[in-house]
N, C-alpha and C. Protein backbone atom coordinates (compact mmCIF):
# COMPACT_ATOMS: atom_id res chain seq x y z
N MET A 1 13.58 22.80 4.52
CA MET A 1 14.09 21.53 5.01
C MET A 1 15.06 20.98 3.97
N SER A 2 16.18 20.46 4.42
CA SER A 2 17.18 19.90 3.52
C SER A 2 16.70 18.56 2.99
N VAL A 3 17.34 18.09 1.92
CA VAL A 3 17.02 16.78 1.37
C VAL A 3 17.28 15.71 2.42
N ARG A 4 18.39 15.82 3.13
CA ARG A 4 18.71 14.86 4.19
C ARG A 4 17.63 14.86 5.27
N GLY A 5 17.16 16.04 5.67
CA GLY A 5 16.12 16.14 6.68
C GLY A 5 14.81 15.54 6.20
N ALA A 6 14.46 15.80 4.94
CA ALA A 6 13.23 15.24 4.39
C ALA A 6 13.31 13.73 4.31
N LEU A 7 14.46 13.21 3.90
CA LEU A 7 14.62 11.75 3.85
C LEU A 7 14.54 11.14 5.24
N ALA A 8 15.14 11.80 6.22
CA ALA A 8 15.08 11.30 7.59
C ALA A 8 13.63 11.25 8.07
N LEU A 9 12.86 12.29 7.77
CA LEU A 9 11.45 12.31 8.14
C LEU A 9 10.69 11.19 7.44
N ALA A 10 10.94 11.02 6.14
CA ALA A 10 10.26 9.96 5.38
C ALA A 10 10.58 8.60 5.96
N LEU A 11 11.83 8.35 6.26
CA LEU A 11 12.21 7.05 6.79
C LEU A 11 11.65 6.83 8.19
N ALA A 12 11.60 7.88 8.99
CA ALA A 12 11.02 7.76 10.33
C ALA A 12 9.53 7.44 10.23
N ALA A 13 8.84 8.10 9.31
CA ALA A 13 7.40 7.83 9.14
C ALA A 13 7.18 6.42 8.65
N LEU A 14 8.04 5.96 7.74
CA LEU A 14 7.87 4.62 7.19
C LEU A 14 8.28 3.52 8.17
N ALA A 15 9.16 3.84 9.09
CA ALA A 15 9.72 2.82 9.97
C ALA A 15 8.65 2.07 10.75
N GLY A 16 7.60 2.73 11.14
CA GLY A 16 6.57 2.07 11.93
C GLY A 16 5.52 1.36 11.12
N CYS A 17 5.60 1.44 9.82
CA CYS A 17 4.56 0.88 8.97
C CYS A 17 4.88 -0.54 8.57
N ALA A 18 5.15 -1.38 9.52
CA ALA A 18 5.43 -2.77 9.23
C ALA A 18 4.14 -3.46 8.80
N ALA A 19 4.27 -4.52 8.05
CA ALA A 19 3.10 -5.27 7.61
C ALA A 19 2.39 -5.87 8.82
N LEU A 20 1.09 -6.12 8.66
CA LEU A 20 0.34 -6.76 9.74
C LEU A 20 0.95 -8.11 10.07
N LEU A 21 1.30 -8.84 9.07
CA LEU A 21 2.03 -10.09 9.20
C LEU A 21 3.05 -10.07 8.07
N ALA A 22 4.24 -10.57 8.26
CA ALA A 22 5.22 -10.56 7.17
C ALA A 22 5.59 -12.00 6.86
N PRO A 23 6.01 -12.25 5.67
CA PRO A 23 5.80 -11.58 4.39
C PRO A 23 4.34 -11.60 4.01
N PRO A 24 4.02 -11.05 2.82
CA PRO A 24 2.74 -10.35 2.70
C PRO A 24 1.56 -11.10 3.27
N LEU A 25 0.75 -10.34 3.94
CA LEU A 25 -0.48 -10.86 4.52
C LEU A 25 -1.43 -11.28 3.41
N LEU A 26 -1.53 -10.47 2.40
CA LEU A 26 -2.48 -10.68 1.33
C LEU A 26 -1.78 -11.27 0.11
N ARG A 27 -2.18 -12.45 -0.29
CA ARG A 27 -1.58 -13.11 -1.46
C ARG A 27 -2.67 -13.30 -2.50
N VAL A 28 -2.94 -12.24 -3.21
CA VAL A 28 -3.99 -12.25 -4.22
C VAL A 28 -3.37 -12.67 -5.55
N PRO A 29 -3.95 -13.68 -6.22
CA PRO A 29 -3.43 -14.07 -7.53
C PRO A 29 -3.52 -12.90 -8.51
N LEU A 30 -2.49 -12.74 -9.32
CA LEU A 30 -2.43 -11.61 -10.25
C LEU A 30 -3.62 -11.58 -11.20
N ARG A 31 -4.10 -12.73 -11.62
CA ARG A 31 -5.22 -12.78 -12.58
C ARG A 31 -6.49 -12.14 -12.01
N GLU A 32 -6.55 -12.00 -10.67
CA GLU A 32 -7.73 -11.43 -10.03
C GLU A 32 -7.63 -9.91 -9.86
N LEU A 33 -6.55 -9.30 -10.32
CA LEU A 33 -6.37 -7.86 -10.16
C LEU A 33 -6.89 -7.06 -11.34
N GLY A 34 -7.49 -7.72 -12.32
CA GLY A 34 -8.10 -7.01 -13.43
C GLY A 34 -7.13 -6.74 -14.57
N GLU A 35 -7.52 -5.80 -15.40
CA GLU A 35 -6.76 -5.47 -16.60
C GLU A 35 -5.40 -4.88 -16.25
N PRO A 36 -4.38 -5.14 -17.09
CA PRO A 36 -3.08 -4.49 -16.88
C PRO A 36 -3.25 -2.97 -16.93
N ARG A 37 -2.52 -2.28 -16.06
CA ARG A 37 -2.61 -0.83 -16.02
C ARG A 37 -1.42 -0.26 -15.25
N THR A 38 -1.20 1.01 -15.46
CA THR A 38 -0.17 1.74 -14.72
C THR A 38 -0.83 2.91 -14.03
N LEU A 39 -0.55 3.05 -12.74
CA LEU A 39 -1.12 4.13 -11.94
C LEU A 39 0.00 5.07 -11.51
N GLU A 40 -0.25 6.37 -11.63
CA GLU A 40 0.62 7.35 -11.00
C GLU A 40 -0.06 7.76 -9.72
N GLN A 41 0.73 7.87 -8.64
CA GLN A 41 0.14 8.13 -7.34
C GLN A 41 0.90 9.20 -6.57
N ARG A 42 0.15 9.91 -5.76
CA ARG A 42 0.72 10.81 -4.76
C ARG A 42 0.24 10.24 -3.44
N LEU A 43 1.17 9.81 -2.59
CA LEU A 43 0.85 9.17 -1.32
C LEU A 43 1.27 10.09 -0.18
N THR A 44 0.35 10.34 0.73
CA THR A 44 0.67 11.12 1.93
C THR A 44 0.53 10.20 3.12
N LEU A 45 1.65 9.93 3.76
CA LEU A 45 1.71 9.03 4.89
C LEU A 45 1.85 9.85 6.16
N THR A 46 0.96 9.60 7.14
CA THR A 46 1.00 10.33 8.40
C THR A 46 1.07 9.33 9.54
N ARG A 47 2.04 9.56 10.42
CA ARG A 47 2.19 8.70 11.59
C ARG A 47 2.77 9.52 12.72
N HIS A 48 2.16 9.44 13.89
CA HIS A 48 2.62 10.17 15.09
C HIS A 48 2.78 11.66 14.81
N GLY A 49 1.84 12.22 14.06
CA GLY A 49 1.85 13.66 13.80
C GLY A 49 2.83 14.10 12.73
N ARG A 50 3.54 13.18 12.12
CA ARG A 50 4.50 13.52 11.07
C ARG A 50 3.97 13.01 9.75
N SER A 51 4.09 13.84 8.73
CA SER A 51 3.63 13.46 7.39
C SER A 51 4.77 13.52 6.40
N VAL A 52 4.69 12.66 5.42
CA VAL A 52 5.64 12.68 4.31
C VAL A 52 4.84 12.41 3.04
N VAL A 53 5.22 13.10 1.97
CA VAL A 53 4.57 12.93 0.68
C VAL A 53 5.51 12.16 -0.24
N LEU A 54 4.96 11.10 -0.83
CA LEU A 54 5.72 10.25 -1.74
C LEU A 54 5.08 10.29 -3.12
N ASP A 55 5.89 10.19 -4.14
CA ASP A 55 5.39 9.99 -5.50
C ASP A 55 5.53 8.52 -5.81
N GLY A 56 4.50 7.93 -6.36
CA GLY A 56 4.53 6.49 -6.61
C GLY A 56 4.07 6.13 -8.00
N VAL A 57 4.52 4.97 -8.44
CA VAL A 57 4.06 4.35 -9.67
C VAL A 57 3.72 2.91 -9.34
N ALA A 58 2.57 2.46 -9.77
CA ALA A 58 2.15 1.07 -9.60
C ALA A 58 1.87 0.52 -10.98
N ASP A 59 2.56 -0.54 -11.34
CA ASP A 59 2.38 -1.18 -12.63
C ASP A 59 1.83 -2.58 -12.41
N VAL A 60 0.63 -2.83 -12.92
CA VAL A 60 -0.04 -4.11 -12.73
C VAL A 60 -0.11 -4.81 -14.07
N SER A 61 0.39 -6.05 -14.14
CA SER A 61 0.32 -6.83 -15.37
C SER A 61 -0.03 -8.27 -15.01
N ALA A 62 -0.14 -9.11 -16.01
CA ALA A 62 -0.44 -10.51 -15.77
C ALA A 62 0.74 -11.23 -15.12
N ALA A 63 1.94 -10.64 -15.19
CA ALA A 63 3.15 -11.28 -14.67
C ALA A 63 3.57 -10.75 -13.30
N ARG A 64 3.17 -9.50 -12.98
CA ARG A 64 3.68 -8.91 -11.74
C ARG A 64 2.95 -7.63 -11.39
N VAL A 65 3.12 -7.24 -10.12
CA VAL A 65 2.78 -5.90 -9.66
C VAL A 65 4.11 -5.28 -9.25
N GLN A 66 4.40 -4.11 -9.79
CA GLN A 66 5.62 -3.40 -9.41
C GLN A 66 5.21 -2.08 -8.77
N LEU A 67 5.78 -1.80 -7.59
CA LEU A 67 5.51 -0.57 -6.86
C LEU A 67 6.83 0.16 -6.64
N ILE A 68 6.83 1.45 -6.97
CA ILE A 68 8.01 2.29 -6.79
C ILE A 68 7.56 3.56 -6.09
N ALA A 69 8.31 4.00 -5.08
CA ALA A 69 8.00 5.25 -4.39
C ALA A 69 9.27 6.07 -4.25
N THR A 70 9.11 7.38 -4.48
CA THR A 70 10.23 8.31 -4.34
C THR A 70 9.77 9.51 -3.53
N THR A 71 10.74 10.19 -2.97
CA THR A 71 10.49 11.49 -2.36
C THR A 71 11.69 12.36 -2.67
N LEU A 72 11.43 13.57 -3.09
CA LEU A 72 12.48 14.51 -3.47
C LEU A 72 13.46 13.89 -4.46
N GLY A 73 12.93 13.04 -5.36
CA GLY A 73 13.74 12.43 -6.39
C GLY A 73 14.57 11.24 -5.95
N VAL A 74 14.46 10.84 -4.68
CA VAL A 74 15.22 9.71 -4.16
C VAL A 74 14.27 8.52 -4.03
N ARG A 75 14.67 7.38 -4.59
CA ARG A 75 13.84 6.18 -4.52
C ARG A 75 13.87 5.62 -3.11
N LEU A 76 12.68 5.49 -2.49
CA LEU A 76 12.58 4.93 -1.14
C LEU A 76 12.35 3.43 -1.17
N TYR A 77 11.56 2.97 -2.14
CA TYR A 77 11.41 1.54 -2.30
C TYR A 77 11.00 1.21 -3.72
N ALA A 78 11.35 0.01 -4.12
CA ALA A 78 10.95 -0.56 -5.39
C ALA A 78 10.75 -2.04 -5.12
N LEU A 79 9.57 -2.55 -5.43
CA LEU A 79 9.32 -3.96 -5.18
C LEU A 79 8.47 -4.56 -6.27
N GLU A 80 8.58 -5.87 -6.38
CA GLU A 80 7.78 -6.63 -7.34
C GLU A 80 7.10 -7.78 -6.61
N TYR A 81 5.87 -8.04 -7.02
CA TYR A 81 5.08 -9.14 -6.48
C TYR A 81 4.68 -10.01 -7.66
N ASP A 82 5.00 -11.31 -7.59
CA ASP A 82 4.70 -12.21 -8.70
C ASP A 82 3.47 -13.07 -8.43
N GLY A 83 2.73 -12.75 -7.41
CA GLY A 83 1.55 -13.53 -7.04
C GLY A 83 1.82 -14.45 -5.86
N ALA A 84 3.11 -14.62 -5.54
CA ALA A 84 3.48 -15.48 -4.41
C ALA A 84 4.53 -14.83 -3.51
N ARG A 85 5.47 -14.14 -4.12
CA ARG A 85 6.59 -13.56 -3.36
C ARG A 85 6.73 -12.08 -3.64
N VAL A 86 7.30 -11.38 -2.66
CA VAL A 86 7.65 -9.97 -2.83
C VAL A 86 9.18 -9.90 -2.90
N ARG A 87 9.66 -9.23 -3.94
CA ARG A 87 11.11 -9.01 -4.08
C ARG A 87 11.36 -7.51 -4.04
N ALA A 88 12.22 -7.11 -3.12
CA ALA A 88 12.60 -5.70 -3.02
C ALA A 88 13.87 -5.50 -3.82
N GLN A 89 13.89 -4.41 -4.58
CA GLN A 89 15.09 -4.05 -5.33
C GLN A 89 15.90 -3.10 -4.48
N PRO A 90 17.21 -3.30 -4.42
CA PRO A 90 18.05 -2.40 -3.62
C PRO A 90 17.89 -0.95 -4.09
N THR A 91 17.80 -0.04 -3.13
CA THR A 91 17.62 1.37 -3.47
C THR A 91 18.79 2.23 -3.04
N GLY A 92 19.67 1.72 -2.20
CA GLY A 92 20.76 2.53 -1.69
C GLY A 92 20.35 3.42 -0.53
N VAL A 93 19.07 3.37 -0.16
CA VAL A 93 18.55 4.16 0.97
C VAL A 93 18.05 3.18 2.01
N PRO A 94 18.46 3.34 3.27
CA PRO A 94 17.94 2.43 4.30
C PRO A 94 16.41 2.49 4.33
N ASN A 95 15.79 1.34 4.53
CA ASN A 95 14.32 1.30 4.48
C ASN A 95 13.66 1.62 5.80
N GLY A 96 14.39 1.93 6.82
CA GLY A 96 13.80 2.31 8.09
C GLY A 96 13.02 1.20 8.75
N GLY A 97 13.31 -0.05 8.39
CA GLY A 97 12.63 -1.17 9.01
C GLY A 97 11.34 -1.56 8.33
N LEU A 98 10.99 -0.93 7.24
CA LEU A 98 9.74 -1.23 6.54
C LEU A 98 9.90 -2.47 5.68
N PRO A 99 9.18 -3.53 5.97
CA PRO A 99 9.24 -4.70 5.08
C PRO A 99 8.51 -4.38 3.78
N PRO A 100 9.00 -4.88 2.66
CA PRO A 100 8.34 -4.59 1.38
C PRO A 100 6.87 -4.99 1.36
N SER A 101 6.51 -5.99 2.16
CA SER A 101 5.13 -6.46 2.15
C SER A 101 4.14 -5.41 2.64
N ALA A 102 4.58 -4.41 3.41
CA ALA A 102 3.66 -3.39 3.90
C ALA A 102 3.07 -2.59 2.75
N ALA A 103 3.91 -2.15 1.81
CA ALA A 103 3.41 -1.39 0.67
C ALA A 103 2.50 -2.25 -0.19
N LEU A 104 2.84 -3.51 -0.36
CA LEU A 104 2.00 -4.40 -1.16
C LEU A 104 0.66 -4.64 -0.47
N ASP A 105 0.67 -4.90 0.83
CA ASP A 105 -0.59 -5.11 1.55
C ASP A 105 -1.50 -3.89 1.41
N ASP A 106 -0.94 -2.69 1.55
CA ASP A 106 -1.74 -1.48 1.39
C ASP A 106 -2.30 -1.38 -0.03
N PHE A 107 -1.47 -1.65 -1.04
CA PHE A 107 -1.91 -1.58 -2.43
C PHE A 107 -3.06 -2.57 -2.67
N LEU A 108 -2.90 -3.80 -2.23
CA LEU A 108 -3.94 -4.80 -2.44
C LEU A 108 -5.20 -4.47 -1.66
N MET A 109 -5.04 -3.98 -0.45
CA MET A 109 -6.21 -3.59 0.35
C MET A 109 -6.99 -2.48 -0.36
N LEU A 110 -6.28 -1.57 -1.02
CA LEU A 110 -6.93 -0.47 -1.73
C LEU A 110 -7.56 -0.89 -3.06
N TYR A 111 -6.90 -1.75 -3.83
CA TYR A 111 -7.29 -1.95 -5.23
C TYR A 111 -7.76 -3.34 -5.62
N ALA A 112 -7.45 -4.36 -4.85
CA ALA A 112 -7.90 -5.71 -5.23
C ALA A 112 -9.40 -5.83 -5.03
N PRO A 113 -10.07 -6.57 -5.90
CA PRO A 113 -11.51 -6.79 -5.70
C PRO A 113 -11.77 -7.45 -4.34
N ALA A 114 -12.86 -7.06 -3.71
CA ALA A 114 -13.18 -7.56 -2.37
C ALA A 114 -13.25 -9.09 -2.34
N ALA A 115 -13.84 -9.70 -3.35
CA ALA A 115 -13.95 -11.17 -3.36
C ALA A 115 -12.57 -11.82 -3.40
N ALA A 116 -11.65 -11.24 -4.14
CA ALA A 116 -10.28 -11.77 -4.21
C ALA A 116 -9.58 -11.62 -2.87
N LEU A 117 -9.79 -10.48 -2.21
CA LEU A 117 -9.20 -10.27 -0.88
C LEU A 117 -9.74 -11.29 0.11
N GLU A 118 -11.04 -11.50 0.10
CA GLU A 118 -11.65 -12.45 1.03
C GLU A 118 -11.06 -13.84 0.88
N ARG A 119 -10.84 -14.27 -0.37
CA ARG A 119 -10.25 -15.59 -0.61
C ARG A 119 -8.79 -15.65 -0.17
N ALA A 120 -8.11 -14.52 -0.16
CA ALA A 120 -6.68 -14.48 0.16
C ALA A 120 -6.39 -14.34 1.65
N LEU A 121 -7.39 -14.03 2.44
CA LEU A 121 -7.16 -13.75 3.87
C LEU A 121 -6.89 -15.02 4.67
N PRO A 122 -6.00 -14.91 5.66
CA PRO A 122 -5.86 -16.00 6.63
C PRO A 122 -7.18 -16.20 7.36
N ASP A 123 -7.37 -17.37 7.93
CA ASP A 123 -8.64 -17.73 8.58
C ASP A 123 -9.04 -16.80 9.71
N ASP A 124 -8.08 -16.18 10.40
CA ASP A 124 -8.42 -15.35 11.55
C ASP A 124 -8.77 -13.91 11.20
N LEU A 125 -8.80 -13.58 9.91
CA LEU A 125 -9.15 -12.23 9.47
C LEU A 125 -10.42 -12.27 8.64
N ARG A 126 -11.15 -11.15 8.68
CA ARG A 126 -12.35 -11.05 7.85
C ARG A 126 -12.43 -9.65 7.25
N LEU A 127 -12.96 -9.61 6.05
CA LEU A 127 -13.12 -8.36 5.33
C LEU A 127 -14.60 -8.00 5.31
N VAL A 128 -14.89 -6.75 5.60
CA VAL A 128 -16.25 -6.23 5.48
C VAL A 128 -16.19 -5.16 4.41
N ALA A 129 -16.87 -5.42 3.29
CA ALA A 129 -16.85 -4.47 2.17
C ALA A 129 -18.24 -3.88 1.99
N ALA A 130 -18.27 -2.60 1.72
CA ALA A 130 -19.51 -1.89 1.46
C ALA A 130 -19.23 -0.83 0.42
N GLU A 131 -20.28 -0.24 -0.11
CA GLU A 131 -20.08 0.84 -1.08
C GLU A 131 -19.27 1.95 -0.42
N GLY A 132 -18.23 2.34 -1.08
CA GLY A 132 -17.42 3.44 -0.57
C GLY A 132 -16.29 3.04 0.36
N GLY A 133 -16.11 1.73 0.60
CA GLY A 133 -14.99 1.36 1.45
C GLY A 133 -14.98 -0.09 1.85
N ARG A 134 -14.04 -0.41 2.72
CA ARG A 134 -13.89 -1.77 3.25
C ARG A 134 -13.10 -1.70 4.54
N ALA A 135 -13.19 -2.77 5.32
CA ALA A 135 -12.48 -2.82 6.60
C ALA A 135 -12.01 -4.24 6.84
N LEU A 136 -10.86 -4.36 7.45
CA LEU A 136 -10.26 -5.65 7.76
C LEU A 136 -10.26 -5.82 9.28
N TYR A 137 -10.76 -6.95 9.75
CA TYR A 137 -10.88 -7.21 11.18
C TYR A 137 -10.20 -8.51 11.56
N ARG A 138 -9.69 -8.54 12.78
CA ARG A 138 -9.29 -9.78 13.45
C ARG A 138 -10.23 -9.88 14.64
N GLY A 139 -11.15 -10.81 14.59
CA GLY A 139 -12.21 -10.87 15.60
C GLY A 139 -13.03 -9.59 15.51
N ASP A 140 -13.19 -8.89 16.61
CA ASP A 140 -13.91 -7.61 16.61
C ASP A 140 -12.97 -6.42 16.51
N ARG A 141 -11.67 -6.67 16.39
CA ARG A 141 -10.67 -5.59 16.37
C ARG A 141 -10.43 -5.11 14.94
N LEU A 142 -10.69 -3.84 14.72
CA LEU A 142 -10.44 -3.23 13.42
C LEU A 142 -8.93 -3.10 13.21
N LEU A 143 -8.44 -3.63 12.09
CA LEU A 143 -7.02 -3.53 11.76
C LEU A 143 -6.77 -2.44 10.73
N VAL A 144 -7.55 -2.48 9.64
CA VAL A 144 -7.35 -1.54 8.52
C VAL A 144 -8.71 -1.15 7.98
N SER A 145 -8.88 0.14 7.69
CA SER A 145 -10.10 0.59 7.02
C SER A 145 -9.70 1.41 5.79
N VAL A 146 -10.56 1.33 4.78
CA VAL A 146 -10.34 2.06 3.53
C VAL A 146 -11.62 2.80 3.20
N THR A 147 -11.46 4.06 2.79
CA THR A 147 -12.57 4.87 2.32
C THR A 147 -12.23 5.38 0.93
N TYR A 148 -13.16 5.21 0.01
CA TYR A 148 -12.98 5.69 -1.37
C TYR A 148 -13.77 6.97 -1.56
N GLU A 149 -13.13 7.98 -2.13
CA GLU A 149 -13.81 9.25 -2.37
C GLU A 149 -14.31 9.38 -3.80
N SER A 150 -14.11 8.35 -4.63
CA SER A 150 -14.63 8.36 -5.99
C SER A 150 -15.11 6.95 -6.32
N ALA A 151 -15.91 6.85 -7.37
CA ALA A 151 -16.45 5.56 -7.76
C ALA A 151 -15.35 4.61 -8.26
N ASP A 152 -14.27 5.17 -8.80
CA ASP A 152 -13.16 4.38 -9.32
C ASP A 152 -11.92 4.68 -8.49
N PRO A 153 -11.56 3.81 -7.56
CA PRO A 153 -10.41 4.08 -6.69
C PRO A 153 -9.10 4.30 -7.46
N ALA A 154 -8.96 3.70 -8.63
CA ALA A 154 -7.74 3.87 -9.42
C ALA A 154 -7.64 5.26 -10.03
N ASN A 155 -8.74 5.98 -10.09
CA ASN A 155 -8.79 7.34 -10.62
C ASN A 155 -9.45 8.27 -9.62
N GLY A 156 -8.81 8.42 -8.49
CA GLY A 156 -9.38 9.29 -7.46
C GLY A 156 -8.60 9.18 -6.17
N ARG A 157 -9.23 9.64 -5.12
CA ARG A 157 -8.59 9.66 -3.79
C ARG A 157 -9.14 8.52 -2.94
N SER A 158 -8.22 7.88 -2.23
CA SER A 158 -8.57 6.84 -1.27
C SER A 158 -7.85 7.14 0.03
N ARG A 159 -8.47 6.72 1.12
CA ARG A 159 -7.86 6.89 2.44
C ARG A 159 -7.79 5.52 3.12
N LEU A 160 -6.59 5.19 3.59
CA LEU A 160 -6.38 3.94 4.31
C LEU A 160 -5.94 4.29 5.72
N ARG A 161 -6.60 3.71 6.69
CA ARG A 161 -6.25 3.90 8.11
C ARG A 161 -5.81 2.55 8.64
N ASN A 162 -4.56 2.43 9.04
CA ASN A 162 -4.07 1.21 9.65
C ASN A 162 -4.13 1.43 11.16
N ALA A 163 -5.22 0.97 11.76
CA ALA A 163 -5.42 1.14 13.20
C ALA A 163 -4.46 0.28 14.00
N ALA A 164 -4.11 -0.88 13.46
CA ALA A 164 -3.21 -1.78 14.17
C ALA A 164 -1.83 -1.17 14.34
N LEU A 165 -1.35 -0.44 13.33
CA LEU A 165 -0.01 0.13 13.37
C LEU A 165 0.00 1.65 13.45
N ASP A 166 -1.19 2.23 13.58
CA ASP A 166 -1.34 3.66 13.82
C ASP A 166 -0.72 4.55 12.75
N TYR A 167 -1.15 4.36 11.50
CA TYR A 167 -0.78 5.29 10.45
C TYR A 167 -1.93 5.50 9.49
N ASP A 168 -1.88 6.63 8.80
CA ASP A 168 -2.87 6.98 7.79
C ASP A 168 -2.16 7.17 6.47
N LEU A 169 -2.83 6.75 5.40
CA LEU A 169 -2.29 6.90 4.06
C LEU A 169 -3.39 7.46 3.18
N VAL A 170 -3.10 8.61 2.55
CA VAL A 170 -4.02 9.19 1.57
C VAL A 170 -3.36 8.98 0.21
N VAL A 171 -4.12 8.40 -0.72
CA VAL A 171 -3.58 8.10 -2.03
C VAL A 171 -4.42 8.78 -3.10
N ASP A 172 -3.78 9.66 -3.86
CA ASP A 172 -4.39 10.24 -5.05
C ASP A 172 -3.81 9.49 -6.23
N SER A 173 -4.70 8.87 -7.01
CA SER A 173 -4.26 7.92 -8.03
C SER A 173 -4.91 8.25 -9.37
N ALA A 174 -4.17 7.99 -10.45
CA ALA A 174 -4.70 8.16 -11.80
C ALA A 174 -4.12 7.07 -12.70
N VAL A 175 -4.98 6.44 -13.46
CA VAL A 175 -4.51 5.46 -14.44
C VAL A 175 -3.92 6.23 -15.61
N VAL A 176 -2.68 5.90 -15.97
CA VAL A 176 -2.03 6.59 -17.07
C VAL A 176 -1.83 5.68 -18.28
N GLN A 177 -2.08 4.41 -18.10
CA GLN A 177 -1.92 3.47 -19.21
C GLN A 177 -2.72 2.22 -18.94
């Protein structure tokens, strides 16, 4: 597959992954995200039978969360979250309709402490957290589920299923700093 073909596939897969609500659904204060750290990630996004593999870096500090994703050496998105707003940095690659808040919502759903998520949710959503995972509901409708395959999600594999928007995300993550 050519680089152009791979990018087209990546953008098509990302195009449907809009945030549940935009701009970000989850507004978790940075102080509640724990110690500063940098994660290296391999993300596999599957939607409508098509998969794309992205390389990612997530940098969490007291001042910001920065998320960067590339495929085949091309930056697909770069964004920063300051605890209130998401700012996307221009990448020169069309984003396929993906709002920056989608990547942030997925990151927070995977890594923010459950109590912090619960406090950050709009009134019409509820989080159910249990050992090994969590799920986000609107009424009785499942929106997003997360399954952790290791005791430390930042150093292992996690699976996120967005039932509302019909995509799956597998994240292999390791703390590097």
